[in-house]
Protein backbone atom coordinates (compact mmCIF):
# COMPACT_ATOMS: atom_id res chain seq x y z
CA LEU A 1 -0.08 0.02 0.00
CA VAL A 2 1.56 3.23 -1.08
CA SER A 3 0.87 6.47 0.77
CA TYR A 4 1.08 9.65 -1.57
CA ARG A 5 0.44 13.12 -1.14
CA LEU A 6 -3.18 14.22 -1.62
CA SER A 7 -4.38 17.38 -3.44
CA THR A 8 -4.71 19.22 -0.21
CA GLU A 9 -1.14 18.61 0.63
CA ALA A 10 0.50 19.03 -2.73
CA LYS A 11 -0.47 19.64 -6.28
CA TYR A 12 0.23 17.35 -9.26
CA PRO A 13 2.73 15.81 -10.00
CA ALA A 14 3.48 15.19 -6.28
CA ALA A 15 1.28 12.08 -6.07
CA LEU A 16 2.94 10.59 -9.17
CA HIS A 17 6.48 11.29 -7.90
CA ASP A 18 5.51 9.70 -4.54
CA CYS A 19 4.33 6.61 -6.33
CA LYS A 20 7.57 6.39 -8.37
CA ALA A 21 9.75 6.90 -5.25
CA ALA A 22 7.85 4.19 -3.37
CA LEU A 23 8.69 1.76 -6.34
CA ARG A 24 12.23 2.57 -6.27
CA THR A 25 12.48 2.32 -2.59
CA LEU A 26 10.93 -1.19 -2.91
CA ARG A 27 13.75 -2.15 -5.25
CA ALA A 28 16.37 -0.51 -2.98
CA HIS A 29 15.24 -2.68 -0.08
CA ALA A 30 14.26 -5.69 -2.01
CA ALA A 31 16.58 -8.09 -0.21
CA GLU A 32 15.47 -7.23 3.28
CA LEU A 33 11.76 -7.31 2.12
CA LYS A 34 12.35 -10.55 0.40
CA LEU A 35 10.96 -9.11 -2.74
CA ASP A 36 11.95 -10.04 -6.26
CA PRO A 37 12.68 -6.66 -7.87
CA GLU A 38 11.87 -8.18 -11.31
CA ARG A 39 8.19 -8.99 -10.29
CA ILE A 40 6.57 -5.89 -9.27
CA GLY A 41 3.20 -4.74 -10.53
CA CYS A 42 0.67 -2.10 -9.45
CA MET A 43 -2.94 -1.78 -8.76
CA GLY A 44 -5.18 0.85 -7.63
CA GLY A 45 -8.83 2.15 -7.56
CA SER A 46 -10.39 5.63 -8.19
CA ALA A 47 -7.74 8.23 -7.71
CA GLY A 48 -5.21 5.30 -7.03
CA GLY A 49 -6.44 3.76 -10.30
CA HIS A 50 -5.63 6.89 -12.25
CA LEU A 51 -2.17 6.93 -10.65
CA SER A 52 -1.63 3.24 -11.29
CA GLY A 53 -2.41 3.78 -14.97
CA LEU A 54 0.00 6.86 -15.06
CA VAL A 55 2.82 4.93 -13.28
CA ALA A 56 2.53 1.92 -15.81
CA MET A 57 2.25 4.08 -18.93
CA THR A 58 5.14 6.24 -17.95
CA THR A 59 7.41 3.26 -17.14
CA GLY A 60 10.86 4.08 -18.45
CA LEU A 61 10.22 7.89 -18.90
CA ASP A 62 12.93 9.61 -16.78
CA ALA A 63 11.21 12.96 -17.08
CA MET A 64 8.29 11.61 -15.04
CA GLU A 65 10.30 10.33 -12.02
CA GLY A 66 10.58 13.66 -10.12
CA PRO A 67 12.76 14.16 -7.08
CA GLY A 68 13.06 11.64 -4.34
CA PRO A 69 15.39 8.88 -3.12
CA ASN A 70 17.07 5.84 -4.78
CA LYS A 71 17.33 7.26 -8.30
CA GLU A 72 19.69 4.48 -9.21
CA PHE A 73 16.73 2.05 -9.04
CA SER A 74 13.85 1.65 -11.60
CA SER A 75 10.29 2.53 -10.91
CA ALA A 76 9.01 0.22 -13.70
CA VAL A 77 6.15 -2.10 -13.27
CA LYS A 78 5.68 -5.45 -15.14
CA ALA A 79 1.93 -5.41 -14.93
CA CYS A 80 -0.94 -2.90 -14.02
CA ILE A 81 -4.51 -3.08 -12.94
CA VAL A 82 -6.76 0.04 -13.01
CA MET A 83 -9.91 -0.01 -11.13
CA ALA A 84 -12.68 2.57 -11.76
CA ALA A 85 -10.50 5.45 -13.02
CA THR A 86 -10.67 7.85 -15.83
CA GLN A 87 -7.57 7.72 -18.15
CA ASP A 88 -8.08 10.70 -20.33
CA LEU A 89 -8.40 13.83 -18.27
CA VAL A 90 -8.47 16.15 -21.25
CA ALA A 91 -11.56 14.47 -22.68
CA SER A 92 -12.93 14.31 -19.13
CA PHE A 93 -12.63 18.15 -18.20
CA LYS A 94 -12.12 20.21 -21.34
CA ASP A 95 -15.90 20.92 -22.12
CA LYS A 96 -17.18 20.88 -18.47
CA PRO A 97 -17.39 23.40 -15.75
CA PRO A 98 -14.35 23.40 -13.29
CA ALA A 99 -14.48 20.47 -10.90
CA GLU A 100 -13.32 21.25 -7.42
CA GLY A 101 -11.23 18.04 -7.01
CA ALA A 102 -9.45 18.61 -10.31
CA VAL A 103 -8.85 22.37 -9.60
CA LEU A 104 -7.17 21.33 -6.32
CA PHE A 105 -5.18 18.54 -7.85
CA PHE A 106 -3.84 20.75 -10.76
CA GLY A 107 -4.02 24.07 -9.10
CA GLY A 108 -6.52 25.37 -11.75
CA SER A 109 -9.27 24.53 -14.17
CA TYR A 110 -8.73 22.99 -17.58
CA ALA A 111 -9.60 26.38 -19.16
CA ASP A 112 -7.00 28.11 -17.22
CA ASN A 113 -4.20 25.66 -17.65
CA PRO A 114 -4.73 22.67 -19.72
CA ALA A 115 -1.15 21.42 -19.70
CA PRO A 116 -1.09 19.36 -16.64
CA TYR A 117 -4.40 17.72 -17.43
CA LYS A 118 -2.79 16.39 -20.69
CA GLU A 119 0.48 15.48 -18.77
CA ALA A 120 -1.51 13.50 -16.14
CA SER A 121 -3.56 11.45 -18.78
CA PRO A 122 -2.28 7.91 -18.85
CA ILE A 123 -3.51 7.47 -22.38
CA GLU A 124 -1.04 10.10 -23.63
CA TYR A 125 1.92 7.70 -22.88
CA VAL A 126 0.57 4.41 -24.36
CA ARG A 127 3.44 3.12 -26.55
CA ALA A 128 5.39 -0.01 -27.27
CA GLY A 129 6.93 -1.52 -24.21
CA VAL A 130 4.35 -0.40 -21.61
CA PRO A 131 3.13 -3.26 -19.41
CA PRO A 132 -0.10 -5.36 -19.79
CA THR A 133 -2.74 -3.33 -18.21
CA ILE A 134 -6.42 -4.57 -17.43
CA PHE A 135 -9.32 -2.69 -16.08
CA ILE A 136 -11.96 -3.59 -13.39
CA GLU A 137 -15.02 -1.62 -13.23
CA GLY A 138 -18.33 -1.60 -11.45
CA GLU A 139 -21.61 -1.92 -13.48
CA LYS A 140 -23.23 0.76 -11.53
CA ASP A 141 -20.32 3.19 -11.42
CA SER A 142 -19.99 6.31 -13.77
CA LEU A 143 -18.32 5.95 -17.14
CA LYS A 144 -14.51 6.09 -16.93
CA VAL A 145 -13.42 8.41 -19.66
CA GLY A 146 -10.58 7.24 -21.97
CA ARG A 147 -10.65 3.51 -20.76
CA ALA A 148 -11.97 2.22 -24.09
CA GLU A 149 -9.73 4.40 -26.21
CA MET A 150 -6.81 3.42 -24.06
CA MET A 151 -7.63 -0.28 -24.53
CA SER A 152 -7.77 0.12 -28.32
CA LYS A 153 -4.25 1.72 -28.24
CA LEU A 154 -2.93 -1.08 -26.19
CA THR A 155 -4.53 -3.72 -28.40
CA ALA A 156 -3.04 -2.04 -31.62
CA LEU A 157 0.41 -2.40 -30.14
CA GLY A 158 -0.19 -6.00 -29.05
CA ILE A 159 -0.22 -5.24 -25.49
CA GLU A 160 -2.46 -7.34 -23.40
CA THR A 161 -5.65 -5.58 -21.97
CA ALA A 162 -9.07 -6.41 -20.99
CA VAL A 163 -11.98 -4.94 -18.94
CA HIS A 164 -13.86 -6.85 -16.24
CA THR A 165 -17.10 -5.35 -15.43
CA LEU A 166 -18.57 -6.44 -11.95
CA LYS A 167 -22.39 -6.96 -11.93
CA ASP A 168 -24.29 -4.42 -9.80
CA ALA A 169 -21.04 -3.12 -8.41
CA PRO A 170 -20.92 0.53 -7.20
CA HIS A 171 -17.97 2.78 -6.67
CA PRO A 172 -15.77 1.67 -4.85
CA PHE A 173 -16.73 -1.93 -5.23
CA TRP A 174 -13.38 -3.31 -3.95
CA MET A 175 -14.25 -2.31 -0.35
CA SER A 176 -17.25 -4.55 0.01
CA GLN A 177 -18.49 -7.98 -0.85
CA PRO A 178 -19.19 -9.80 -3.17
CA TRP A 179 -17.09 -7.61 -5.30
CA LEU A 180 -13.90 -7.72 -3.14
CA ASP A 181 -13.50 -11.37 -3.66
CA GLU A 182 -14.23 -11.12 -7.48
CA THR A 183 -11.59 -8.41 -7.67
CA VAL A 184 -9.00 -10.55 -5.84
CA GLU A 185 -9.75 -13.52 -8.13
CA ILE A 186 -9.20 -11.35 -11.23
CA ALA A 187 -6.04 -9.65 -9.83
CA ASP A 188 -4.65 -12.94 -8.67
CA ALA A 189 -4.90 -14.57 -12.12
CA PHE A 190 -3.57 -11.54 -13.84
CA PHE A 191 -0.60 -11.18 -11.58
CA LYS A 192 0.21 -14.79 -11.53
CA LYS A 193 0.28 -14.69 -15.32
CA HIS A 194 2.71 -11.72 -15.64
CA LEU A 195 4.70 -11.77 -12.40
CA GLY A 196 4.87 -15.55 -11.70
CA LYS A 197 3.40 -17.48 -8.72
């Protein structure tokens, strides 16, 4: 479980930089934590899902690392699960009134400053070499903008992707039954396939 700075503590890209630093720190301490540094994936829901997608799609991009410790280690992930999270913040906010959460996260509305909305959109970084990425969504949650388009881009590159829609599931489905167990089953199978048992 990664703790990252929220929008009330620091603006974007602080949260992304915290996630990248956490991954580098895992690798720096892999021996004492008894982790295989070659078998690390990420998974998150809602805001954490957005960050998981962003971490995965920016794997290998030094410009996205930010400050922080253990720069000699990689923040790459080998597999990613995005739960209930928008992946295209430009499409989500460009034609809508300012949203309080987004204004807090970016320090302004899309109309005032569109650049960070684009920079923080996982869909912008889909390219050859990004990790397999699947999506888990709740049937009764709202539309997650950019997910279908991101899947199309991944598929065109031959990168494994899929969407699992959980019946009758609300947001956040991973915090209650029966959807928690369903989520664990999906995640277990996916991570075993790409990270090993």
